[in-house]
Amino acid sequence: MKAFLLTLGLSLAPVAAFAQQTAYPLTIENGGNTLVFEAAPERAVSLNGHTTEVMLSLGLADHMVGTSYMNHPVIEPLAADYDTIPQLADGTSYPSLEVLLGADPDFTYGRLSAYRDTSVAPIETLAGFGINAYAVKGTLIDGATIEDVYEDIDNLGQIFDIQDRANALIAEMQADIEAVSSTIDNAAVEPVSVLVYDSGTDGIYTAGTALQTNLIELAGGRNVFDDLDSTWETVSWEEAVAREPEVIVINDYGQTSADEKIALLTENPALSSVPAIQNKRFVVLPLPSMFEGVRIPDGVKTLAQGFHPELFE
């Protein structure tokens, strides 16, 4: 994606004229928490893979003193910068509070799951150590959309006083998604009905009011479980059959491969009448492509190509 050129300082000029300079102290509201910045953070720690890629895409490597929970290889254009930053935890794990404090951070950025007693520490605990802890907005709310992702990037632009880079990254992501959505809109095709299979053997752990539902809409689909009350929920085989999805999206991650997930579904007699099963219509989506990060445009394109292949030949 062209946005990664931003890490090299390219493509910033067209938007730089519209950038504003941060006036500190800066107050940011983040999920009920009020963060006050007296200056741009100088020792930031990113707690998740997709938050790390956002920060690196904004050219913030020189402000970072740690990363963690990298459950996928970093995107190649960002690899050189990533390799300069210490990893505070191996693989799919978070650093302990003691390890985090050893890096002497003044800012952390991660999913809400990072800020639990069983992970790093609650946001309030980190605040007691003088650390501003920012949580990904999409993990704080129900019904997250791409606009919430842009809001996070915009907030980072203000926090680090790099509004020009944040504006450019948002514009690049918007343009990439618009290129896909406009193709679908111009063709005036009907949305396909979509079931998300994340995991589960006794039922289907699927997306409800999660960000992935919005990405499916942008790609010309409709999540058949968009009426669930929660972001993620386990539904029965019978409920899935009743919704008659035309396409099944396979979230690809973890120890169970996408092929194994597809086999589990196709070999389940209870699902034999599902149109997606009968027509073998599956779209494999790497998990990082549906998280709140710079891979989202590629994720939307992957979904759209699977939903409406005739438009993207």
C-alpha atoms as a PDB file:
ATOM      1  CA  MET A   1       0.000   0.000   0.000  1.00  0.00           C
ATOM      2  CA  LYS A   2       1.312   3.424  -0.904  1.00  0.00           C
ATOM      3  CA  ALA A   3       0.756   4.659   2.644  1.00  0.00           C
ATOM      4  CA  PHE A   4       3.935   2.945   3.702  1.00  0.00           C
ATOM      5  CA  LEU A   5       5.891   5.510   1.669  1.00  0.00           C
ATOM      6  CA  LEU A   6       4.965   7.945   4.391  1.00  0.00           C
ATOM      7  CA  THR A   7       7.567   6.320   6.586  1.00  0.00           C
ATOM      8  CA  LEU A   8      10.124   7.617   4.104  1.00  0.00           C
ATOM      9  CA  GLY A   9       8.714  11.137   4.278  1.00  0.00           C
ATOM     10  CA  LEU A  10       7.110  10.964   0.832  1.00  0.00           C
ATOM     11  CA  SER A  11       3.707  12.217  -0.353  1.00  0.00           C
ATOM     12  CA  LEU A  12       3.353  14.620   2.574  1.00  0.00           C
ATOM     13  CA  ALA A  13       3.520  17.939   0.724  1.00  0.00           C
ATOM     14  CA  PRO A  14      -0.071  18.048  -0.623  1.00  0.00           C
ATOM     15  CA  VAL A  15      -1.568  17.920   2.867  1.00  0.00           C
ATOM     16  CA  ALA A  16       1.139  19.656   4.885  1.00  0.00           C
ATOM     17  CA  ALA A  17      -0.353  23.064   4.134  1.00  0.00           C
ATOM     18  CA  PHE A  18      -3.532  22.064   5.964  1.00  0.00           C
ATOM     19  CA  ALA A  19      -1.784  20.629   9.024  1.00  0.00           C
ATOM     20  CA  GLN A  20      -2.106  22.303  12.397  1.00  0.00           C
ATOM     21  CA  GLN A  21       0.537  22.414  15.070  1.00  0.00           C
ATOM     22  CA  THR A  22      -0.321  20.845  18.400  1.00  0.00           C
ATOM     23  CA  ALA A  23      -0.714  23.283  21.267  1.00  0.00           C
ATOM     24  CA  TYR A  24       0.345  21.556  24.470  1.00  0.00           C
ATOM     25  CA  PRO A  25      -0.946  20.718  26.957  1.00  0.00           C
ATOM     26  CA  LEU A  26      -3.180  18.536  24.790  1.00  0.00           C
ATOM     27  CA  THR A  27      -6.231  16.738  26.174  1.00  0.00           C
ATOM     28  CA  ILE A  28      -7.496  13.598  24.434  1.00  0.00           C
ATOM     29  CA  GLU A  29     -10.650  11.724  25.479  1.00  0.00           C
ATOM     30  CA  ASN A  30     -10.265   7.991  24.996  1.00  0.00           C
ATOM     31  CA  GLY A  31     -13.081   5.688  26.061  1.00  0.00           C
ATOM     32  CA  GLY A  32     -13.938   7.527  29.240  1.00  0.00           C
ATOM     33  CA  ASN A  33     -10.300   8.194  30.082  1.00  0.00           C
ATOM     34  CA  THR A  34      -8.879  11.686  29.861  1.00  0.00           C
ATOM     35  CA  LEU A  35      -5.263  11.799  28.705  1.00  0.00           C
ATOM     36  CA  VAL A  36      -3.254  14.991  29.106  1.00  0.00           C
ATOM     37  CA  PHE A  37      -0.006  15.476  27.167  1.00  0.00           C
ATOM     38  CA  GLU A  38       2.395  18.209  28.221  1.00  0.00           C
ATOM     39  CA  ALA A  39       4.553  17.418  25.185  1.00  0.00           C
ATOM     40  CA  ALA A  40       4.865  14.793  22.453  1.00  0.00           C
ATOM     41  CA  PRO A  41       5.741  11.367  23.905  1.00  0.00           C
ATOM     42  CA  GLU A  42       9.385  10.448  23.513  1.00  0.00           C
ATOM     43  CA  ARG A  43       9.350   6.851  24.815  1.00  0.00           C
ATOM     44  CA  ALA A  44       6.308   5.072  23.391  1.00  0.00           C
ATOM     45  CA  VAL A  45       5.492   1.373  23.578  1.00  0.00           C
ATOM     46  CA  SER A  46       3.123  -0.273  21.097  1.00  0.00           C
ATOM     47  CA  LEU A  47       1.355  -3.258  22.608  1.00  0.00           C
ATOM     48  CA  ASN A  48      -0.109  -4.950  19.498  1.00  0.00           C
ATOM     49  CA  GLY A  49       1.067  -5.792  16.000  1.00  0.00           C
ATOM     50  CA  HIS A  50      -1.423  -3.599  14.184  1.00  0.00           C
ATOM     51  CA  THR A  51      -0.809  -0.626  16.483  1.00  0.00           C
ATOM     52  CA  THR A  52       2.911  -1.038  15.842  1.00  0.00           C
ATOM     53  CA  GLU A  53       2.313  -0.906  12.088  1.00  0.00           C
ATOM     54  CA  VAL A  54       0.242   2.265  12.466  1.00  0.00           C
ATOM     55  CA  MET A  55       2.979   3.982  14.468  1.00  0.00           C
ATOM     56  CA  LEU A  56       5.693   2.893  12.049  1.00  0.00           C
ATOM     57  CA  SER A  57       3.608   4.039   9.074  1.00  0.00           C
ATOM     58  CA  LEU A  58       3.468   7.439  10.748  1.00  0.00           C
ATOM     59  CA  GLY A  59       7.251   7.531  10.953  1.00  0.00           C
ATOM     60  CA  LEU A  60       7.372   7.241  14.743  1.00  0.00           C
ATOM     61  CA  ALA A  61      10.114   4.623  15.099  1.00  0.00           C
ATOM     62  CA  ASP A  62      12.437   7.130  16.745  1.00  0.00           C
ATOM     63  CA  HIS A  63       9.803   7.754  19.434  1.00  0.00           C
ATOM     64  CA  MET A  64       9.365   4.028  20.252  1.00  0.00           C
ATOM     65  CA  VAL A  65      11.168   2.061  22.966  1.00  0.00           C
ATOM     66  CA  GLY A  66       9.238  -1.207  22.752  1.00  0.00           C
ATOM     67  CA  THR A  67       6.739  -3.431  20.963  1.00  0.00           C
ATOM     68  CA  SER A  68       4.842  -6.587  21.904  1.00  0.00           C
ATOM     69  CA  TYR A  69       2.192  -9.107  20.810  1.00  0.00           C
ATOM     70  CA  MET A  70       3.417  -9.353  17.231  1.00  0.00           C
ATOM     71  CA  ASN A  71       1.341 -12.332  16.105  1.00  0.00           C
ATOM     72  CA  HIS A  72       2.242 -11.828  12.440  1.00  0.00           C
ATOM     73  CA  PRO A  73       5.294 -10.665  10.497  1.00  0.00           C
ATOM     74  CA  VAL A  74       5.463  -6.915  10.136  1.00  0.00           C
ATOM     75  CA  ILE A  75       4.752  -5.555   6.650  1.00  0.00           C
ATOM     76  CA  GLU A  76       7.979  -5.585   4.675  1.00  0.00           C
ATOM     77  CA  PRO A  77       8.321  -1.814   4.054  1.00  0.00           C
ATOM     78  CA  LEU A  78       8.234  -1.346   7.836  1.00  0.00           C
ATOM     79  CA  ALA A  79      10.582  -4.196   8.743  1.00  0.00           C
ATOM     80  CA  ALA A  80      13.796  -2.186   8.892  1.00  0.00           C
ATOM     81  CA  ASP A  81      12.329   0.323  11.353  1.00  0.00           C
ATOM     82  CA  TYR A  82      10.656  -2.454  13.342  1.00  0.00           C
ATOM     83  CA  ASP A  83      13.965  -4.264  13.811  1.00  0.00           C
ATOM     84  CA  THR A  84      15.443  -1.201  15.539  1.00  0.00           C
ATOM     85  CA  ILE A  85      12.875  -1.319  18.365  1.00  0.00           C
ATOM     86  CA  PRO A  86      13.179  -3.713  21.339  1.00  0.00           C
ATOM     87  CA  GLN A  87      10.563  -6.453  21.641  1.00  0.00           C
ATOM     88  CA  LEU A  88       9.329  -6.509  25.220  1.00  0.00           C
ATOM     89  CA  ALA A  89       7.532  -9.860  24.895  1.00  0.00           C
ATOM     90  CA  ASP A  90       7.780 -12.896  22.644  1.00  0.00           C
ATOM     91  CA  GLY A  91       5.152 -13.796  20.058  1.00  0.00           C
ATOM     92  CA  THR A  92       1.536 -13.526  21.135  1.00  0.00           C
ATOM     93  CA  SER A  93       2.140 -12.213  24.617  1.00  0.00           C
ATOM     94  CA  TYR A  94       2.172  -8.921  26.449  1.00  0.00           C
ATOM     95  CA  PRO A  95       4.993  -7.725  28.684  1.00  0.00           C
ATOM     96  CA  SER A  96       4.487  -7.822  32.420  1.00  0.00           C
ATOM     97  CA  LEU A  97       4.064  -4.506  34.183  1.00  0.00           C
ATOM     98  CA  GLU A  98       7.588  -4.890  35.549  1.00  0.00           C
ATOM     99  CA  VAL A  99       9.049  -5.392  32.068  1.00  0.00           C
ATOM    100  CA  LEU A 100       7.054  -2.485  30.673  1.00  0.00           C
ATOM    101  CA  LEU A 101       8.230  -0.160  33.432  1.00  0.00           C
ATOM    102  CA  GLY A 102      11.793  -1.261  32.721  1.00  0.00           C
ATOM    103  CA  ALA A 103      11.497   0.388  29.302  1.00  0.00           C
ATOM    104  CA  ASP A 104      10.599   3.671  31.043  1.00  0.00           C
ATOM    105  CA  PRO A 105       7.734   4.566  28.666  1.00  0.00           C
ATOM    106  CA  ASP A 106       5.695   7.739  28.743  1.00  0.00           C
ATOM    107  CA  PHE A 107       3.002   6.435  26.337  1.00  0.00           C
ATOM    108  CA  THR A 108       1.445   3.107  25.344  1.00  0.00           C
ATOM    109  CA  TYR A 109      -0.903   2.280  22.470  1.00  0.00           C
ATOM    110  CA  GLY A 110      -2.797  -1.000  22.321  1.00  0.00           C
ATOM    111  CA  ARG A 111      -6.043  -2.901  22.232  1.00  0.00           C
ATOM    112  CA  LEU A 112      -8.284  -2.839  25.295  1.00  0.00           C
ATOM    113  CA  SER A 113      -7.213  -6.445  25.953  1.00  0.00           C
ATOM    114  CA  ALA A 114      -3.698  -5.163  26.669  1.00  0.00           C
ATOM    115  CA  TYR A 115      -4.992  -3.098  29.571  1.00  0.00           C
ATOM    116  CA  ARG A 116      -6.318  -5.876  31.755  1.00  0.00           C
ATOM    117  CA  ASP A 117      -4.999  -7.179  35.068  1.00  0.00           C
ATOM    118  CA  THR A 118      -4.148 -10.430  33.266  1.00  0.00           C
ATOM    119  CA  SER A 119      -2.236  -8.597  30.514  1.00  0.00           C
ATOM    120  CA  VAL A 120      -0.045  -5.525  31.099  1.00  0.00           C
ATOM    121  CA  ALA A 121      -2.045  -3.458  33.590  1.00  0.00           C
ATOM    122  CA  PRO A 122      -5.222  -1.367  33.730  1.00  0.00           C
ATOM    123  CA  ILE A 123      -5.056   2.107  32.235  1.00  0.00           C
ATOM    124  CA  GLU A 124      -5.535   3.608  35.692  1.00  0.00           C
ATOM    125  CA  THR A 125      -2.535   1.699  37.005  1.00  0.00           C
ATOM    126  CA  LEU A 126      -0.330   2.956  34.187  1.00  0.00           C
ATOM    127  CA  ALA A 127      -1.542   6.496  34.789  1.00  0.00           C
ATOM    128  CA  GLY A 128      -0.265   6.154  38.351  1.00  0.00           C
ATOM    129  CA  PHE A 129       3.200   5.624  36.897  1.00  0.00           C
ATOM    130  CA  GLY A 130       2.909   8.709  34.716  1.00  0.00           C
ATOM    131  CA  ILE A 131       2.180   6.722  31.546  1.00  0.00           C
ATOM    132  CA  ASN A 132      -0.542   7.908  29.171  1.00  0.00           C
ATOM    133  CA  ALA A 133      -2.243   4.718  27.926  1.00  0.00           C
ATOM    134  CA  TYR A 134      -4.262   5.043  24.705  1.00  0.00           C
ATOM    135  CA  ALA A 135      -6.665   2.213  23.797  1.00  0.00           C
ATOM    136  CA  VAL A 136      -7.742   1.463  20.217  1.00  0.00           C
ATOM    137  CA  LYS A 137     -11.205   3.009  19.942  1.00  0.00           C
ATOM    138  CA  GLY A 138     -12.612   0.094  17.976  1.00  0.00           C
ATOM    139  CA  THR A 139     -11.979  -2.163  20.987  1.00  0.00           C
ATOM    140  CA  LEU A 140     -13.788   0.198  23.345  1.00  0.00           C
ATOM    141  CA  ILE A 141     -17.146   0.430  21.584  1.00  0.00           C
ATOM    142  CA  ASP A 142     -19.817  -1.578  19.795  1.00  0.00           C
ATOM    143  CA  GLY A 143     -20.485  -0.805  16.156  1.00  0.00           C
ATOM    144  CA  ALA A 144     -16.967   0.352  15.283  1.00  0.00           C
ATOM    145  CA  THR A 145     -16.395   1.610  11.742  1.00  0.00           C
ATOM    146  CA  ILE A 146     -13.466   2.709   9.614  1.00  0.00           C
ATOM    147  CA  GLU A 147     -14.116   6.250  10.859  1.00  0.00           C
ATOM    148  CA  ASP A 148     -13.020   5.139  14.331  1.00  0.00           C
ATOM    149  CA  VAL A 149      -9.747   3.907  12.843  1.00  0.00           C
ATOM    150  CA  TYR A 150      -9.221   7.292  11.228  1.00  0.00           C
ATOM    151  CA  GLU A 151      -9.972   8.945  14.569  1.00  0.00           C
ATOM    152  CA  ASP A 152      -7.199   6.938  16.244  1.00  0.00           C
ATOM    153  CA  ILE A 153      -4.736   7.975  13.552  1.00  0.00           C
ATOM    154  CA  ASP A 154      -5.842  11.593  13.815  1.00  0.00           C
ATOM    155  CA  ASN A 155      -5.376  11.477  17.598  1.00  0.00           C
ATOM    156  CA  LEU A 156      -1.872  10.071  17.173  1.00  0.00           C
ATOM    157  CA  GLY A 157      -1.158  12.931  14.798  1.00  0.00           C
ATOM    158  CA  GLN A 158      -2.155  15.423  17.463  1.00  0.00           C
ATOM    159  CA  ILE A 159      -0.388  13.595  20.305  1.00  0.00           C
ATOM    160  CA  PHE A 160       2.942  13.448  18.451  1.00  0.00           C
ATOM    161  CA  ASP A 161       2.464  16.753  16.612  1.00  0.00           C
ATOM    162  CA  ILE A 162       2.644  15.043  13.208  1.00  0.00           C
ATOM    163  CA  GLN A 163      -0.744  16.026  11.818  1.00  0.00           C
ATOM    164  CA  ASP A 164       0.644  16.222   8.280  1.00  0.00           C
ATOM    165  CA  ARG A 165       1.652  12.557   8.337  1.00  0.00           C
ATOM    166  CA  ALA A 166      -1.611  11.484   9.983  1.00  0.00           C
ATOM    167  CA  ASN A 167      -3.675  13.378   7.417  1.00  0.00           C
ATOM    168  CA  ALA A 168      -1.689  11.829   4.578  1.00  0.00           C
ATOM    169  CA  LEU A 169      -2.080   8.300   5.924  1.00  0.00           C
ATOM    170  CA  ILE A 170      -5.825   8.733   6.393  1.00  0.00           C
ATOM    171  CA  ALA A 171      -6.187  10.163   2.885  1.00  0.00           C
ATOM    172  CA  GLU A 172      -4.220   7.268   1.409  1.00  0.00           C
ATOM    173  CA  MET A 173      -6.392   4.682   3.194  1.00  0.00           C
ATOM    174  CA  GLN A 174      -9.570   6.496   2.165  1.00  0.00           C
ATOM    175  CA  ALA A 175      -8.481   6.569  -1.469  1.00  0.00           C
ATOM    176  CA  ASP A 176      -7.632   2.856  -1.512  1.00  0.00           C
ATOM    177  CA  ILE A 177     -10.982   1.909   0.027  1.00  0.00           C
ATOM    178  CA  GLU A 178     -12.893   4.299  -2.231  1.00  0.00           C
ATOM    179  CA  ALA A 179     -11.315   2.668  -5.295  1.00  0.00           C
ATOM    180  CA  VAL A 180     -12.908  -0.625  -4.213  1.00  0.00           C
ATOM    181  CA  SER A 181     -16.245   0.742  -3.029  1.00  0.00           C
ATOM    182  CA  SER A 182     -16.767   2.893  -6.126  1.00  0.00           C
ATOM    183  CA  THR A 183     -16.252  -0.147  -8.346  1.00  0.00           C
ATOM    184  CA  ILE A 184     -19.037  -1.915  -6.479  1.00  0.00           C
ATOM    185  CA  ASP A 185     -21.315   1.132  -6.375  1.00  0.00           C
ATOM    186  CA  ASN A 186     -20.883   1.854 -10.085  1.00  0.00           C
ATOM    187  CA  ALA A 187     -21.863  -1.712 -10.907  1.00  0.00           C
ATOM    188  CA  ALA A 188     -24.999  -1.376  -8.772  1.00  0.00           C
ATOM    189  CA  VAL A 189     -24.687  -4.954  -7.539  1.00  0.00           C
ATOM    190  CA  GLU A 190     -26.707  -6.276  -4.614  1.00  0.00           C
ATOM    191  CA  PRO A 191     -24.798  -6.968  -1.379  1.00  0.00           C
ATOM    192  CA  VAL A 192     -24.046 -10.645  -0.861  1.00  0.00           C
ATOM    193  CA  SER A 193     -25.022 -12.229   2.456  1.00  0.00           C
ATOM    194  CA  VAL A 194     -21.927 -13.090   4.484  1.00  0.00           C
ATOM    195  CA  LEU A 195     -21.170 -15.250   7.512  1.00  0.00           C
ATOM    196  CA  VAL A 196     -17.912 -14.720   9.406  1.00  0.00           C
ATOM    197  CA  TYR A 197     -16.328 -17.897  10.749  1.00  0.00           C
ATOM    198  CA  ASP A 198     -13.696 -16.970  13.260  1.00  0.00           C
ATOM    199  CA  SER A 199     -13.478 -20.187  15.252  1.00  0.00           C
ATOM    200  CA  GLY A 200     -15.497 -22.815  17.097  1.00  0.00           C
ATOM    201  CA  THR A 201     -16.297 -26.519  16.907  1.00  0.00           C
ATOM    202  CA  ASP A 202     -19.587 -26.621  18.831  1.00  0.00           C
ATOM    203  CA  GLY A 203     -20.904 -23.496  17.152  1.00  0.00           C
ATOM    204  CA  ILE A 204     -19.619 -20.501  15.240  1.00  0.00           C
ATOM    205  CA  TYR A 205     -17.790 -17.661  16.937  1.00  0.00           C
ATOM    206  CA  THR A 206     -18.764 -14.824  14.638  1.00  0.00           C
ATOM    207  CA  ALA A 207     -18.747 -11.055  14.209  1.00  0.00           C
ATOM    208  CA  GLY A 208     -21.719  -9.005  15.327  1.00  0.00           C
ATOM    209  CA  THR A 209     -21.251  -5.281  15.920  1.00  0.00           C
ATOM    210  CA  ALA A 210     -17.500  -5.542  15.315  1.00  0.00           C
ATOM    211  CA  LEU A 211     -15.444  -3.470  12.881  1.00  0.00           C
ATOM    212  CA  GLN A 212     -15.370  -6.443  10.510  1.00  0.00           C
ATOM    213  CA  THR A 213     -19.085  -5.941   9.836  1.00  0.00           C
ATOM    214  CA  ASN A 214     -18.372  -2.444   8.502  1.00  0.00           C
ATOM    215  CA  LEU A 215     -15.510  -3.750   6.352  1.00  0.00           C
ATOM    216  CA  ILE A 216     -17.874  -6.328   4.862  1.00  0.00           C
ATOM    217  CA  GLU A 217     -20.304  -3.523   3.996  1.00  0.00           C
ATOM    218  CA  LEU A 218     -17.551  -1.480   2.343  1.00  0.00           C
ATOM    219  CA  ALA A 219     -16.707  -4.553   0.256  1.00  0.00           C
ATOM    220  CA  GLY A 220     -20.250  -5.060  -1.013  1.00  0.00           C
ATOM    221  CA  GLY A 221     -21.541  -7.562   1.514  1.00  0.00           C
ATOM    222  CA  ARG A 222     -23.910  -7.788   4.464  1.00  0.00           C
ATOM    223  CA  ASN A 223     -23.064  -9.644   7.633  1.00  0.00           C
ATOM    224  CA  VAL A 224     -25.973 -12.016   8.302  1.00  0.00           C
ATOM    225  CA  PHE A 225     -25.392 -11.547  12.032  1.00  0.00           C
ATOM    226  CA  ASP A 226     -25.203  -7.761  12.008  1.00  0.00           C
ATOM    227  CA  ASP A 227     -28.162  -7.754  14.406  1.00  0.00           C
ATOM    228  CA  LEU A 228     -26.259  -9.311  17.317  1.00  0.00           C
ATOM    229  CA  ASP A 229     -26.026  -7.191  20.456  1.00  0.00           C
ATOM    230  CA  SER A 230     -22.323  -7.859  21.013  1.00  0.00           C
ATOM    231  CA  THR A 231     -19.187  -7.400  18.926  1.00  0.00           C
ATOM    232  CA  TRP A 232     -18.423 -11.132  18.908  1.00  0.00           C
ATOM    233  CA  GLU A 233     -20.689 -14.010  19.861  1.00  0.00           C
ATOM    234  CA  THR A 234     -21.046 -17.775  19.455  1.00  0.00           C
ATOM    235  CA  VAL A 235     -24.096 -18.818  17.437  1.00  0.00           C
ATOM    236  CA  SER A 236     -25.432 -22.311  16.842  1.00  0.00           C
ATOM    237  CA  TRP A 237     -25.153 -24.283  13.609  1.00  0.00           C
ATOM    238  CA  GLU A 238     -28.942 -24.000  13.291  1.00  0.00           C
ATOM    239  CA  GLU A 239     -28.831 -20.204  13.515  1.00  0.00           C
ATOM    240  CA  ALA A 240     -26.181 -20.072  10.809  1.00  0.00           C
ATOM    241  CA  VAL A 241     -28.239 -22.312   8.512  1.00  0.00           C
ATOM    242  CA  ALA A 242     -31.315 -20.151   8.996  1.00  0.00           C
ATOM    243  CA  ARG A 243     -29.447 -17.024   7.845  1.00  0.00           C
ATOM    244  CA  GLU A 244     -28.542 -18.692   4.490  1.00  0.00           C
ATOM    245  CA  PRO A 245     -25.202 -16.952   3.864  1.00  0.00           C
ATOM    246  CA  GLU A 246     -23.987 -16.882   0.274  1.00  0.00           C
ATOM    247  CA  VAL A 247     -20.335 -16.444   1.294  1.00  0.00           C
ATOM    248  CA  ILE A 248     -18.370 -17.470   4.368  1.00  0.00           C
ATOM    249  CA  VAL A 249     -15.396 -15.356   5.453  1.00  0.00           C
ATOM    250  CA  ILE A 250     -12.695 -17.367   7.202  1.00  0.00           C
ATOM    251  CA  ASN A 251     -10.613 -15.382   9.681  1.00  0.00           C
ATOM    252  CA  ASP A 252      -7.159 -16.832   9.149  1.00  0.00           C
ATOM    253  CA  TYR A 253      -4.995 -16.992  12.287  1.00  0.00           C
ATOM    254  CA  GLY A 254      -3.889 -19.261  15.096  1.00  0.00           C
ATOM    255  CA  GLN A 255      -3.056 -22.952  15.194  1.00  0.00           C
ATOM    256  CA  THR A 256      -5.996 -23.991  13.002  1.00  0.00           C
ATOM    257  CA  SER A 257      -5.302 -23.217   9.345  1.00  0.00           C
ATOM    258  CA  ALA A 258      -7.855 -21.706   6.971  1.00  0.00           C
ATOM    259  CA  ASP A 259      -8.018 -24.997   5.058  1.00  0.00           C
ATOM    260  CA  GLU A 260      -8.753 -26.854   8.282  1.00  0.00           C
ATOM    261  CA  LYS A 261     -11.505 -24.387   9.141  1.00  0.00           C
ATOM    262  CA  ILE A 262     -13.051 -24.787   5.700  1.00  0.00           C
ATOM    263  CA  ALA A 263     -12.896 -28.574   6.030  1.00  0.00           C
ATOM    264  CA  LEU A 264     -14.599 -28.396   9.423  1.00  0.00           C
ATOM    265  CA  LEU A 265     -17.478 -26.446   7.905  1.00  0.00           C
ATOM    266  CA  THR A 266     -17.861 -28.414   4.673  1.00  0.00           C
ATOM    267  CA  GLU A 267     -17.761 -31.752   6.476  1.00  0.00           C
ATOM    268  CA  ASN A 268     -20.395 -30.746   9.021  1.00  0.00           C
ATOM    269  CA  PRO A 269     -23.730 -32.341   7.965  1.00  0.00           C
ATOM    270  CA  ALA A 270     -25.654 -29.692   9.872  1.00  0.00           C
ATOM    271  CA  LEU A 271     -24.405 -27.056   7.405  1.00  0.00           C
ATOM    272  CA  SER A 272     -24.962 -28.972   4.174  1.00  0.00           C
ATOM    273  CA  SER A 273     -27.890 -26.798   3.059  1.00  0.00           C
ATOM    274  CA  VAL A 274     -26.012 -23.492   3.450  1.00  0.00           C
ATOM    275  CA  PRO A 275     -25.622 -21.846   0.006  1.00  0.00           C
ATOM    276  CA  ALA A 276     -22.000 -20.874   0.714  1.00  0.00           C
ATOM    277  CA  ILE A 277     -21.173 -24.496   1.549  1.00  0.00           C
ATOM    278  CA  GLN A 278     -22.977 -25.882  -1.485  1.00  0.00           C
ATOM    279  CA  ASN A 279     -21.258 -23.429  -3.829  1.00  0.00           C
ATOM    280  CA  LYS A 280     -17.902 -23.577  -2.002  1.00  0.00           C
ATOM    281  CA  ARG A 281     -17.723 -19.804  -1.656  1.00  0.00           C
ATOM    282  CA  PHE A 282     -15.145 -18.979   0.982  1.00  0.00           C
ATOM    283  CA  VAL A 283     -13.020 -15.859   1.401  1.00  0.00           C
ATOM    284  CA  VAL A 284      -9.885 -16.258   3.501  1.00  0.00           C
ATOM    285  CA  LEU A 285      -9.027 -13.060   5.370  1.00  0.00           C
ATOM    286  CA  PRO A 286      -5.763 -12.768   7.317  1.00  0.00           C
ATOM    287  CA  LEU A 287      -6.675 -11.588  10.802  1.00  0.00           C
ATOM    288  CA  PRO A 288      -4.415  -8.493  10.721  1.00  0.00           C
ATOM    289  CA  SER A 289      -6.440  -7.221   7.749  1.00  0.00           C
ATOM    290  CA  MET A 290      -9.554  -6.784   9.874  1.00  0.00           C
ATOM    291  CA  PHE A 291      -7.869  -5.158  12.861  1.00  0.00           C
ATOM    292  CA  GLU A 292      -7.756  -1.394  13.328  1.00  0.00           C
ATOM    293  CA  GLY A 293      -4.658  -0.664  11.279  1.00  0.00           C
ATOM    294  CA  VAL A 294      -3.048   0.118   7.945  1.00  0.00           C
ATOM    295  CA  ARG A 295      -3.908  -3.257   6.416  1.00  0.00           C
ATOM    296  CA  ILE A 296      -7.634  -2.519   6.309  1.00  0.00           C
ATOM    297  CA  PRO A 297      -7.686  -1.295   2.674  1.00  0.00           C
ATOM    298  CA  ASP A 298      -6.095  -4.574   1.564  1.00  0.00           C
ATOM    299  CA  GLY A 299      -8.639  -6.426   3.689  1.00  0.00           C
ATOM    300  CA  VAL A 300     -11.559  -4.618   2.061  1.00  0.00           C
ATOM    301  CA  LYS A 301     -10.132  -5.404  -1.382  1.00  0.00           C
ATOM    302  CA  THR A 302      -9.718  -9.086  -0.494  1.00  0.00           C
ATOM    303  CA  LEU A 303     -13.319  -9.249   0.690  1.00  0.00           C
ATOM    304  CA  ALA A 304     -14.654  -7.431  -2.371  1.00  0.00           C
ATOM    305  CA  GLN A 305     -12.770  -9.712  -4.765  1.00  0.00           C
ATOM    306  CA  GLY A 306     -14.338 -12.699  -3.012  1.00  0.00           C
ATOM    307  CA  PHE A 307     -17.846 -11.240  -2.878  1.00  0.00           C
ATOM    308  CA  HIS A 308     -17.913  -9.855  -6.427  1.00  0.00           C
ATOM    309  CA  PRO A 309     -15.137 -11.581  -8.393  1.00  0.00           C
ATOM    310  CA  GLU A 310     -16.677 -10.569 -11.701  1.00  0.00           C
ATOM    311  CA  LEU A 311     -15.900  -6.911 -10.923  1.00  0.00           C
ATOM    312  CA  PHE A 312     -12.242  -7.482 -10.093  1.00  0.00           C
ATOM    313  CA  GLU A 313     -11.006  -9.854 -12.778  1.00  0.00           C
END
